[in-house]
């Protein structure tokens, strides 16, 4: 049983990581201009890149390191929407984001600059980005209560009994609905061959400032840093520079095919690093390697799942995506509002990031961070002058 244990945990890791957020990725790619084929290509590229990155890192360092796509980054794309230059400009922003991650590994001052962004503001920006998607279940319950309510109920029940499977089960239920709908319409689901559609990147100021920079910051602050912390808390030495080099280079390589960002896993990282993977900590890396292999298999199945998502009733899959992101929204809001003296700058960042406004062709996430930093600086607590002693 001990031989099978890490492989089973690796399978669960890949299934949870994929099913809990692949609809968010598709929504993000479509929001910034990808057509259905390009979005499908992006999902295939992301699965393949994160699978290869996971196999390479876990095998090379004998450490339960798992790569994943940037779910907060995909939510950022949903909030940003199309930019000047369309899909090629978005692809160019993905290339720059990956390049910035590689540069962070090679040039320490950039890492220090990212670390200087206050955590409450980074998390407030993430919360603003997630808000629109997390409202989708509410809208879905109003627009199609008979379809969405059972899925929400299933999610709530499993959140109580088996939290790890709540989001994947909700997605599975939504896919079942899609199968029923397509079958009744006379178009039963069928296997779709994997496809990769390359797009030449274009580099526009609006996409670089509105997508590349926020995507880089969100990916670093919400995925790479906590992902490394999860693995380190389990007692492993994390090869930080190597992890950034592999995931950053992978992001650059997969960008032309539509992949937005690959990084260290944060939420699912705890599964391979836990005793559930193997009693011997030195053998838990096998679970991560198995997860990487499973991601490669899922890359081949991604087009079929994408077709099912496209066939689902309007608003259903978006509602499930919102449910999956609720824990991330709650965590981001908790960090953003933790310091009472710094709450106003965090609120400024949150509200602007959630507004979906576009100024000078640049999306709201960037402006939220800029306004938040300005408010953070202006409203910084004053240091009281020392009272002279009278003795």
Protein backbone atom coordinates (compact mmCIF):
# COMPACT_ATOMS: atom_id res chain seq x y z
CA UNK A 1 0.00 0.00 0.00
CA UNK A 2 2.89 2.37 0.78
CA UNK A 3 4.06 2.00 -2.83
CA UNK A 4 0.68 3.12 -4.17
CA UNK A 5 0.16 5.85 -1.58
CA UNK A 6 2.24 8.63 -3.21
CA UNK A 7 0.79 7.84 -6.64
CA UNK A 8 -2.78 8.08 -5.36
CA UNK A 9 -2.04 11.39 -3.64
CA UNK A 10 -0.41 12.66 -6.83
CA UNK A 11 -3.51 11.72 -8.81
CA UNK A 12 -5.74 13.53 -6.30
CA UNK A 13 -3.45 16.58 -6.42
CA UNK A 14 -3.72 16.85 -10.20
CA UNK A 15 -7.47 16.25 -10.28
CA UNK A 16 -8.18 18.79 -7.55
CA UNK A 17 -5.85 21.36 -9.10
CA UNK A 18 -7.34 20.95 -12.57
CA UNK A 19 -11.05 20.60 -11.87
CA UNK A 20 -11.21 23.30 -9.22
CA UNK A 21 -10.15 26.11 -11.52
CA UNK A 22 -9.87 25.20 -15.22
CA UNK A 23 -13.10 27.08 -15.96
CA UNK A 24 -11.55 30.21 -14.42
CA UNK A 25 -8.58 29.85 -16.77
CA UNK A 26 -10.85 29.51 -19.80
CA UNK A 27 -12.88 32.54 -18.73
CA UNK A 28 -9.71 34.61 -18.25
CA UNK A 29 -8.27 33.75 -21.65
CA UNK A 30 -11.56 34.46 -23.39
CA UNK A 31 -11.87 37.79 -21.54
CA UNK A 32 -8.60 39.11 -22.96
CA UNK A 33 -9.49 38.22 -26.53
CA UNK A 34 -8.85 34.51 -27.14
CA UNK A 35 -11.33 32.74 -29.41
CA UNK A 36 -12.50 29.23 -28.38
CA UNK A 37 -9.64 27.49 -30.19
CA UNK A 38 -7.01 29.82 -28.72
CA UNK A 39 -8.43 29.43 -25.20
CA UNK A 40 -8.40 25.64 -25.59
CA UNK A 41 -4.81 25.82 -26.82
CA UNK A 42 -3.92 27.90 -23.76
CA UNK A 43 -5.40 25.31 -21.41
CA UNK A 44 -3.48 22.52 -23.17
CA UNK A 45 -0.24 24.53 -22.97
CA UNK A 46 -0.70 25.30 -19.28
CA UNK A 47 -1.36 21.65 -18.41
CA UNK A 48 1.67 20.50 -20.40
CA UNK A 49 4.02 23.16 -19.00
CA UNK A 50 3.00 22.72 -15.37
CA UNK A 51 3.19 18.95 -15.78
CA UNK A 52 6.73 19.12 -17.18
CA UNK A 53 7.79 21.71 -14.57
CA UNK A 54 6.46 19.52 -11.76
CA UNK A 55 8.25 16.42 -13.05
CA UNK A 56 11.53 18.30 -13.53
CA UNK A 57 11.54 20.06 -10.15
CA UNK A 58 10.39 17.10 -8.06
CA UNK A 59 12.73 14.62 -9.82
CA UNK A 60 15.76 16.92 -9.75
CA UNK A 61 15.49 18.04 -6.12
CA UNK A 62 13.70 15.01 -4.60
CA UNK A 63 11.28 17.50 -3.02
CA UNK A 64 7.45 17.54 -3.27
CA UNK A 65 7.37 20.64 -5.47
CA UNK A 66 4.25 21.07 -7.61
CA UNK A 67 3.70 23.61 -10.36
CA UNK A 68 0.29 25.02 -11.26
CA UNK A 69 -1.30 27.65 -13.43
CA UNK A 70 -1.96 31.01 -11.82
CA UNK A 71 -5.63 30.90 -10.81
CA UNK A 72 -5.53 34.45 -9.35
CA UNK A 73 -3.84 35.50 -12.58
CA UNK A 74 -6.72 34.05 -14.60
CA UNK A 75 -9.18 35.93 -12.40
CA UNK A 76 -7.14 39.07 -13.07
CA UNK A 77 -7.62 38.52 -16.80
CA UNK A 78 -11.38 38.26 -16.30
CA UNK A 79 -11.39 41.57 -14.43
CA UNK A 80 -9.10 43.26 -16.96
CA UNK A 81 -10.90 42.30 -20.16
CA UNK A 82 -9.65 43.11 -23.65
CA UNK A 83 -6.81 45.55 -24.16
CA UNK A 84 -5.54 47.54 -27.14
CA UNK A 85 -3.95 45.07 -29.52
CA UNK A 86 -6.32 42.26 -28.62
CA UNK A 87 -5.20 38.67 -28.11
CA UNK A 88 -1.67 39.13 -29.57
CA UNK A 89 -1.07 41.93 -27.05
CA UNK A 90 -2.26 39.68 -24.23
CA UNK A 91 0.15 36.97 -25.41
CA UNK A 92 2.93 39.56 -25.37
CA UNK A 93 2.01 40.40 -21.78
CA UNK A 94 2.24 36.69 -20.86
CA UNK A 95 5.76 36.57 -22.32
CA UNK A 96 6.80 39.62 -20.31
CA UNK A 97 5.29 38.18 -17.13
CA UNK A 98 7.34 35.01 -17.53
CA UNK A 99 10.42 37.07 -18.30
CA UNK A 100 9.92 39.07 -15.10
CA UNK A 101 9.73 35.85 -13.07
CA UNK A 102 13.01 34.66 -14.62
CA UNK A 103 14.56 38.06 -13.94
CA UNK A 104 13.44 37.82 -10.31
CA UNK A 105 15.42 34.60 -10.00
CA UNK A 106 18.52 36.10 -11.59
CA UNK A 107 18.45 39.66 -10.23
CA UNK A 108 17.84 40.04 -6.51
CA UNK A 109 16.94 43.76 -6.53
CA UNK A 110 13.76 42.94 -8.46
CA UNK A 111 12.80 40.39 -5.85
CA UNK A 112 13.35 42.96 -3.11
CA UNK A 113 11.22 45.47 -5.02
CA UNK A 114 8.33 42.99 -5.21
CA UNK A 115 8.74 42.16 -1.53
CA UNK A 116 8.49 45.89 -0.76
CA UNK A 117 4.87 45.99 -1.98
CA UNK A 118 2.85 45.88 1.27
CA UNK A 119 1.04 42.57 1.71
CA UNK A 120 -2.31 44.24 2.54
CA UNK A 121 -2.24 46.11 -0.78
CA UNK A 122 -1.24 43.05 -2.81
CA UNK A 123 -4.02 41.04 -1.20
CA UNK A 124 -6.51 43.89 -1.59
CA UNK A 125 -5.72 43.99 -5.31
CA UNK A 126 -6.28 40.24 -5.51
CA UNK A 127 -9.57 40.53 -3.61
CA UNK A 128 -10.78 43.22 -6.01
CA UNK A 129 -9.89 41.03 -8.97
CA UNK A 130 -11.71 38.02 -7.49
CA UNK A 131 -14.86 39.88 -6.48
CA UNK A 132 -16.57 39.88 -9.88
CA UNK A 133 -16.12 36.12 -10.30
CA UNK A 134 -17.22 35.41 -6.73
CA UNK A 135 -20.48 37.27 -7.40
CA UNK A 136 -21.28 34.87 -10.26
CA UNK A 137 -23.03 32.29 -8.01
CA UNK A 138 -25.42 35.00 -6.79
CA UNK A 139 -26.22 36.06 -10.34
CA UNK A 140 -26.56 32.43 -11.40
CA UNK A 141 -29.02 31.66 -8.61
CA UNK A 142 -31.19 34.54 -9.80
CA UNK A 143 -30.88 33.81 -13.53
CA UNK A 144 -31.16 29.99 -13.45
CA UNK A 145 -32.09 28.82 -9.94
CA UNK A 146 -33.12 25.29 -10.99
CA UNK A 147 -29.68 24.64 -12.50
CA UNK A 148 -27.41 26.53 -10.12
CA UNK A 149 -29.09 25.83 -6.76
CA UNK A 150 -28.39 22.05 -6.76
CA UNK A 151 -24.74 22.69 -7.60
CA UNK A 152 -24.42 25.24 -4.81
CA UNK A 153 -26.13 22.84 -2.39
CA UNK A 154 -23.72 20.05 -3.34
CA UNK A 155 -20.79 22.43 -2.81
CA UNK A 156 -22.07 23.41 0.64
CA UNK A 157 -22.59 19.80 1.73
CA UNK A 158 -19.12 18.73 0.65
CA UNK A 159 -17.58 21.87 2.12
CA UNK A 160 -18.79 20.50 5.45
CA UNK A 161 -17.99 16.81 4.91
CA UNK A 162 -15.05 16.74 2.46
CA UNK A 163 -13.76 20.29 1.81
CA UNK A 164 -11.01 19.18 -0.55
CA UNK A 165 -13.59 17.80 -2.99
CA UNK A 166 -16.19 20.55 -2.75
CA UNK A 167 -15.06 22.56 -5.79
CA UNK A 168 -14.17 19.55 -7.99
CA UNK A 169 -17.53 17.92 -7.26
CA UNK A 170 -19.35 21.14 -8.13
CA UNK A 171 -17.49 21.31 -11.44
CA UNK A 172 -18.30 17.65 -12.11
CA UNK A 173 -21.98 18.36 -11.48
CA UNK A 174 -21.85 21.29 -13.91
CA UNK A 175 -20.22 19.08 -16.54
CA UNK A 176 -22.95 16.46 -16.08
CA UNK A 177 -25.51 19.18 -16.77
CA UNK A 178 -23.57 20.12 -19.91
CA UNK A 179 -23.56 16.48 -21.07
CA UNK A 180 -27.33 16.25 -20.55
CA UNK A 181 -27.93 19.52 -22.41
CA UNK A 182 -25.77 18.55 -25.40
CA UNK A 183 -27.25 15.05 -25.59
CA UNK A 184 -30.82 16.38 -25.57
CA UNK A 185 -29.86 18.85 -28.29
CA UNK A 186 -28.69 15.97 -30.47
CA UNK A 187 -24.98 16.71 -30.06
CA UNK A 188 -23.63 14.16 -27.56
CA UNK A 189 -20.13 14.89 -26.24
CA UNK A 190 -17.20 13.31 -28.03
CA UNK A 191 -13.46 13.22 -27.55
CA UNK A 192 -11.71 16.21 -29.11
CA UNK A 193 -8.12 15.95 -30.28
CA UNK A 194 -5.58 18.17 -28.50
CA UNK A 195 -4.66 21.29 -30.40
CA UNK A 196 -2.01 23.97 -30.06
CA UNK A 197 -2.56 27.26 -31.87
CA UNK A 198 0.38 29.62 -31.80
CA UNK A 199 -0.04 33.40 -31.77
CA UNK A 200 2.78 35.84 -32.48
CA UNK A 201 3.08 38.15 -29.45
CA UNK A 202 2.60 41.89 -29.76
CA UNK A 203 3.89 44.31 -27.16
CA UNK A 204 1.68 47.31 -26.41
CA UNK A 205 2.01 49.74 -23.48
CA UNK A 206 -1.56 49.11 -22.34
CA UNK A 207 -1.12 45.33 -22.17
CA UNK A 208 2.31 45.53 -20.53
CA UNK A 209 1.11 47.88 -17.80
CA UNK A 210 -2.45 46.56 -17.51
CA UNK A 211 -1.78 42.82 -17.76
CA UNK A 212 1.92 41.90 -17.50
CA UNK A 213 2.78 43.86 -14.33
CA UNK A 214 -0.36 42.99 -12.30
CA UNK A 215 -0.17 39.37 -13.50
CA UNK A 216 3.44 39.16 -12.35
CA UNK A 217 2.66 40.72 -8.95
CA UNK A 218 -0.40 38.53 -8.34
CA UNK A 219 1.46 35.40 -9.40
CA UNK A 220 4.42 36.15 -7.14
CA UNK A 221 2.43 37.33 -4.10
CA UNK A 222 -0.46 34.86 -4.27
CA UNK A 223 1.19 31.76 -5.70
CA UNK A 224 4.99 31.56 -5.64
CA UNK A 225 5.62 33.01 -2.17
CA UNK A 226 2.87 31.08 -0.31
CA UNK A 227 3.59 27.96 -2.39
CA UNK A 228 7.21 27.96 -1.28
CA UNK A 229 6.10 28.64 2.30
CA UNK A 230 3.78 25.61 2.31
CA UNK A 231 6.56 23.27 1.19
CA UNK A 232 9.07 24.85 3.59
CA UNK A 233 6.64 24.48 6.51
CA UNK A 234 6.62 20.74 5.84
CA UNK A 235 10.35 20.69 6.52
CA UNK A 236 11.80 20.87 3.00
CA UNK A 237 14.44 23.20 1.60
CA UNK A 238 12.83 24.94 -1.37
CA UNK A 239 15.10 25.63 -4.39
CA UNK A 240 13.67 29.13 -4.81
CA UNK A 241 15.77 30.37 -7.72
CA UNK A 242 15.46 27.11 -9.64
CA UNK A 243 11.69 27.07 -9.11
CA UNK A 244 11.36 30.60 -10.47
CA UNK A 245 13.64 29.83 -13.41
CA UNK A 246 11.70 26.71 -14.41
CA UNK A 247 8.22 28.20 -14.00
CA UNK A 248 9.21 31.55 -15.52
CA UNK A 249 10.86 29.93 -18.53
CA UNK A 250 7.85 27.63 -18.84
CA UNK A 251 5.53 30.64 -18.88
CA UNK A 252 7.57 32.22 -21.69
CA UNK A 253 7.59 28.95 -23.64
CA UNK A 254 3.85 28.40 -23.30
CA UNK A 255 2.77 32.00 -23.89
CA UNK A 256 2.54 31.79 -27.69
CA UNK A 257 0.18 28.81 -27.30
CA UNK A 258 -2.00 30.87 -24.93
CA UNK A 259 -0.69 29.98 -21.46
CA UNK A 260 -0.86 33.01 -19.18
CA UNK A 261 1.33 32.03 -16.20
CA UNK A 262 2.78 28.95 -14.48
CA UNK A 263 4.02 29.08 -10.90
CA UNK A 264 4.48 27.05 -7.73
CA UNK A 265 1.22 25.58 -6.50
CA UNK A 266 -0.09 27.11 -3.28
CA UNK A 267 -3.31 25.34 -2.27
CA UNK A 268 -2.58 21.88 -3.67
CA UNK A 269 1.08 22.08 -2.62
CA UNK A 270 0.17 20.79 0.83
CA UNK A 271 -1.08 17.41 -0.46
CA UNK A 272 2.20 15.90 -1.75
CA UNK A 273 4.16 17.45 1.15
CA UNK A 274 1.92 15.88 3.81
CA UNK A 275 2.24 12.49 5.56
CA UNK A 276 -0.73 11.35 3.45
CA UNK A 277 1.68 11.13 0.52
CA UNK A 278 4.10 8.80 2.33
CA UNK A 279 5.20 8.18 5.95
CA UNK A 280 8.80 8.77 4.85
CA UNK A 281 9.35 12.46 3.99
CA UNK A 282 12.14 11.43 1.61
CA UNK A 283 9.63 9.59 -0.59
CA UNK A 284 6.92 12.24 -0.85
CA UNK A 285 8.43 13.79 -3.95
CA UNK A 286 7.04 10.80 -5.86
CA UNK A 287 3.53 12.18 -5.29
CA UNK A 288 4.51 15.44 -7.00
CA UNK A 289 6.08 13.60 -9.91
CA UNK A 290 2.90 11.57 -10.35
CA UNK A 291 0.86 14.78 -10.27
CA UNK A 292 3.06 16.13 -13.07
CA UNK A 293 2.48 13.04 -15.20
CA UNK A 294 -1.28 13.31 -14.57
CA UNK A 295 -1.22 16.94 -15.74
CA UNK A 296 0.33 15.75 -19.01
CA UNK A 297 -2.55 13.30 -19.43
CA UNK A 298 -5.07 16.02 -18.60
CA UNK A 299 -3.52 18.19 -21.32
CA UNK A 300 -4.75 15.64 -23.85
CA UNK A 301 -8.26 15.71 -22.33
CA UNK A 302 -8.45 19.51 -22.02
CA UNK A 303 -10.13 20.14 -25.42
CA UNK A 304 -12.95 17.73 -24.59
CA UNK A 305 -13.56 19.39 -21.23
CA UNK A 306 -13.44 22.80 -22.90
CA UNK A 307 -16.13 21.72 -25.33
CA UNK A 308 -18.32 20.59 -22.42
CA UNK A 309 -17.85 23.92 -20.65
CA UNK A 310 -18.85 25.76 -23.83
CA UNK A 311 -22.01 23.62 -24.05
CA UNK A 312 -23.06 24.27 -20.44
CA UNK A 313 -26.00 26.61 -19.85
CA UNK A 314 -24.95 30.26 -19.62
CA UNK A 315 -23.76 31.26 -16.17
CA UNK A 316 -23.55 27.73 -14.73
CA UNK A 317 -19.80 27.16 -15.01
CA UNK A 318 -19.08 30.77 -14.03
CA UNK A 319 -21.12 30.23 -10.85
CA UNK A 320 -19.07 27.14 -9.98
CA UNK A 321 -15.84 29.04 -10.67
CA UNK A 322 -16.99 31.71 -8.22
CA UNK A 323 -17.64 29.08 -5.56
CA UNK A 324 -14.12 27.69 -6.03
CA UNK A 325 -12.59 31.15 -5.55
CA UNK A 326 -14.52 32.09 -2.40
CA UNK A 327 -11.83 30.75 -0.01
CA UNK A 328 -9.17 32.77 -1.87
CA UNK A 329 -11.33 35.89 -1.66
CA UNK A 330 -11.85 35.40 2.07
CA UNK A 331 -8.13 34.96 2.73
CA UNK A 332 -7.24 38.02 0.65
CA UNK A 333 -9.80 40.21 2.44
CA UNK A 334 -8.61 38.99 5.84
CA UNK A 335 -5.01 40.01 5.11
CA UNK A 336 -6.03 43.28 3.48
CA UNK A 337 -8.12 44.42 6.45
CA UNK A 338 -6.03 42.96 9.27
CA UNK A 339 -4.22 46.21 10.16
CA UNK A 340 -6.75 48.82 11.25
CA UNK A 341 -4.31 51.70 10.72
CA UNK A 342 -3.67 50.60 7.12
CA UNK A 343 -7.24 49.64 6.23
CA UNK A 344 -8.08 52.73 4.16
CA UNK A 345 -5.25 52.26 1.61
CA UNK A 346 -6.24 48.61 1.33
CA UNK A 347 -9.86 49.60 0.71
CA UNK A 348 -8.78 52.11 -1.92
CA UNK A 349 -6.86 49.35 -3.71
CA UNK A 350 -9.73 46.88 -3.37
CA UNK A 351 -12.43 49.23 -4.66
CA UNK A 352 -10.42 50.45 -7.63
CA UNK A 353 -9.32 46.93 -8.57
CA UNK A 354 -12.93 45.73 -8.36
CA UNK A 355 -14.29 48.64 -10.40
CA UNK A 356 -13.25 47.23 -13.82
CA UNK A 357 -12.55 50.76 -15.03
CA UNK A 358 -10.02 51.35 -17.78
CA UNK A 359 -7.88 54.50 -17.71
CA UNK A 360 -5.54 55.31 -20.58
CA UNK A 361 -6.04 51.77 -21.86
CA UNK A 362 -4.83 50.23 -18.58
CA UNK A 363 -7.04 48.01 -16.43
CA UNK A 364 -8.26 48.63 -12.92
CA UNK A 365 -5.93 46.22 -11.09
CA UNK A 366 -2.89 48.34 -11.91
CA UNK A 367 -4.60 51.60 -10.97
CA UNK A 368 -5.86 50.07 -7.75
CA UNK A 369 -2.32 49.22 -6.73
CA UNK A 370 -1.01 52.66 -7.73
CA UNK A 371 -3.76 54.46 -5.78
CA UNK A 372 -3.28 52.15 -2.83
CA UNK A 373 0.46 52.79 -2.71
CA UNK A 374 -0.16 56.54 -2.84
CA UNK A 375 -2.70 56.31 -0.01
CA UNK A 376 -0.36 54.02 1.95
CA UNK A 377 2.39 56.61 1.72
CA UNK A 378 0.16 59.61 2.47
CA UNK A 379 -1.68 58.00 5.40
CA UNK A 380 1.30 56.34 7.02
CA UNK A 381 1.15 56.55 10.81
CA UNK A 382 2.96 59.54 12.22
CA UNK A 383 5.80 58.94 14.58
CA UNK A 384 5.32 60.98 17.72
CA UNK A 385 8.21 63.28 18.60
CA UNK A 386 10.05 62.20 21.75
CA UNK A 387 9.10 64.15 24.86
CA UNK A 388 12.21 65.83 26.32
CA UNK A 389 13.10 64.72 29.80
CA UNK A 390 12.83 67.30 32.60
CA UNK A 391 15.26 65.59 34.87
